[in-house]
Each structure stands twice: as structure tokens, then as C-alpha cells.
Amino acid sequence: MVEVKSICIAQKSFIGVRLHLPAYPSYLIVSTKTILAQNLFDINYFQKTNQVAVIITEYRHGFEAMLNAKVIAANDAAMAHGVTLTMNGKEALLLCEGAL
């Protein structure tokens, strides 16, 4: 089952996607510019695109927890926006969206 919801952060709109997987539910927060994903996804897959910033956080249960989780990887496009491994998901997401 897939759950899709609207998420508003700092007056920016995002799409939250929850994949109901048996052992590990997976969460993504996406826009046309950025993908915020959990470490269930491999950053190497996302190195293929430089048009979308991709940020990987530690695994946490829920959208809010993922926004507060530590960034553990980012593709080249996200790094070009200034994303670092010292940020949390929300900071990195907003940086890539040009909101910081």
C-alpha cells in the first residue's frame, strides 16, 4: 500500500510518500527539485542525475522524524547546494529548495 500526503515546510509544499513495506515502512519527501529519502535507498543510484538534489537520512519512522534525522549521504547536486553531513533532513531539504 502507498500513502501520499501533502507536507508544508517553511511555506514550501512537498509530497510525502509512505510505502507500507512489511518489515521497514519507507518514507520519501519530494518536490520537483529535491528528494529526501531514508537510508533504505542507495545514494549511488541517484548519482545518475544532476538535475535533482537527493538527500539520504538515517532511518527513522515517520515524516517528522525523517526531517529531524541526520543527513548521511547526498548526491552531487545536493552537495552543490551546500548540503553537508552535519545537517538534519529539514535543513538540507530547505537549502536545496532555496529557502535558506
Protein backbone atom coordinates (compact mmCIF):
# COMPACT_ATOMS: atom_id res chain seq x y z
CA MET A 1 0.00 0.00 0.00
CA VAL A 2 1.16 3.53 -0.76
CA GLU A 3 0.13 6.63 1.20
CA VAL A 4 0.57 10.08 -0.34
CA LYS A 5 0.12 13.31 1.59
CA SER A 6 0.85 17.00 1.26
CA ILE A 7 3.57 18.35 3.55
CA CYS A 8 4.17 22.07 4.14
CA ILE A 9 7.57 23.15 5.49
CA ALA A 10 8.54 26.83 5.75
CA GLN A 11 5.79 27.84 3.33
CA LYS A 12 7.03 25.32 0.73
CA SER A 13 4.89 22.41 -0.44
CA PHE A 14 6.18 18.85 -0.74
CA ILE A 15 4.72 15.43 -1.42
CA GLY A 16 5.18 12.85 1.32
CA VAL A 17 5.15 9.23 0.16
CA ARG A 18 4.94 6.30 2.57
CA LEU A 19 5.50 2.82 1.22
CA HIS A 20 3.96 0.23 3.54
CA LEU A 21 6.63 -2.47 3.31
CA PRO A 22 6.33 -5.50 5.63
CA ALA A 23 9.50 -5.03 7.69
CA TYR A 24 10.51 -1.43 7.09
CA PRO A 25 7.99 1.23 6.05
CA SER A 26 9.75 3.65 3.73
CA TYR A 27 9.26 7.41 3.64
CA LEU A 28 10.16 9.95 0.95
CA ILE A 29 9.60 13.68 0.81
CA VAL A 30 9.80 15.01 -2.72
CA SER A 31 9.45 18.12 -4.86
CA THR A 32 10.45 18.92 -8.42
CA LYS A 33 13.92 19.93 -7.16
CA THR A 34 14.68 17.61 -4.24
CA ILE A 35 14.22 14.07 -2.92
CA LEU A 36 14.65 13.41 0.81
CA ALA A 37 14.88 9.66 1.41
CA GLN A 38 15.88 7.24 4.14
CA ASN A 39 18.96 5.06 4.12
CA LEU A 40 16.93 2.18 2.69
CA PHE A 41 17.92 3.78 -0.64
CA ASP A 42 21.46 3.75 -2.04
CA ILE A 43 22.90 7.17 -2.92
CA ASN A 44 24.90 5.61 -5.78
CA TYR A 45 21.67 5.02 -7.67
CA PHE A 46 20.92 8.74 -7.50
CA GLN A 47 24.33 9.84 -8.78
CA LYS A 48 22.95 9.29 -12.28
CA THR A 49 21.02 12.56 -12.14
CA ASN A 50 22.40 16.01 -11.52
CA GLN A 51 19.08 17.72 -12.06
CA VAL A 52 17.50 16.65 -8.77
CA ALA A 53 19.17 17.04 -5.37
CA VAL A 54 18.95 13.79 -3.39
CA ILE A 55 19.49 13.64 0.36
CA ILE A 56 19.65 10.42 2.38
CA THR A 57 18.96 10.48 6.13
CA GLU A 58 19.29 7.91 8.88
CA TYR A 59 16.31 5.57 9.08
CA ARG A 60 13.56 6.97 11.30
CA HIS A 61 9.87 6.10 11.47
CA GLY A 62 7.68 8.92 10.15
CA PHE A 63 7.99 12.10 8.11
CA GLU A 64 8.71 14.38 11.07
CA ALA A 65 11.37 12.01 12.40
CA MET A 66 12.99 11.85 8.98
CA LEU A 67 13.15 15.67 8.83
CA ASN A 68 14.97 15.66 12.18
CA ALA A 69 17.27 12.76 11.25
CA LYS A 70 20.95 13.28 10.42
CA VAL A 71 21.97 13.50 6.75
CA ILE A 72 24.26 10.57 5.95
CA ALA A 73 24.66 10.99 2.18
CA ALA A 74 23.84 13.37 -0.65
CA ASN A 75 24.34 13.33 -4.40
CA ASP A 76 26.48 15.85 -6.27
CA ALA A 77 23.51 18.14 -6.97
CA ALA A 78 22.67 18.38 -3.25
CA MET A 79 26.31 19.00 -2.34
CA ALA A 80 26.42 21.81 -4.92
CA HIS A 81 23.61 23.48 -2.94
CA GLY A 82 25.79 23.30 0.18
CA VAL A 83 24.36 20.20 1.88
CA THR A 84 26.74 18.72 4.47
CA LEU A 85 26.65 15.65 6.69
CA THR A 86 26.30 17.89 9.76
CA MET A 87 22.76 18.94 8.80
CA ASN A 88 19.43 17.36 9.56
CA GLY A 89 16.99 16.43 6.82
CA LYS A 90 14.88 19.57 7.11
CA GLU A 91 17.86 21.92 6.86
CA ALA A 92 19.20 20.10 3.81
CA LEU A 93 15.78 19.95 2.14
CA LEU A 94 15.17 23.67 2.59
CA LEU A 95 18.71 24.52 1.43
CA CYS A 96 18.16 22.62 -1.83
CA GLU A 97 14.81 24.34 -2.29
CA GLY A 98 16.45 27.75 -1.92
CA ALA A 99 14.51 28.54 1.26
CA LEU A 100 17.60 29.08 3.45
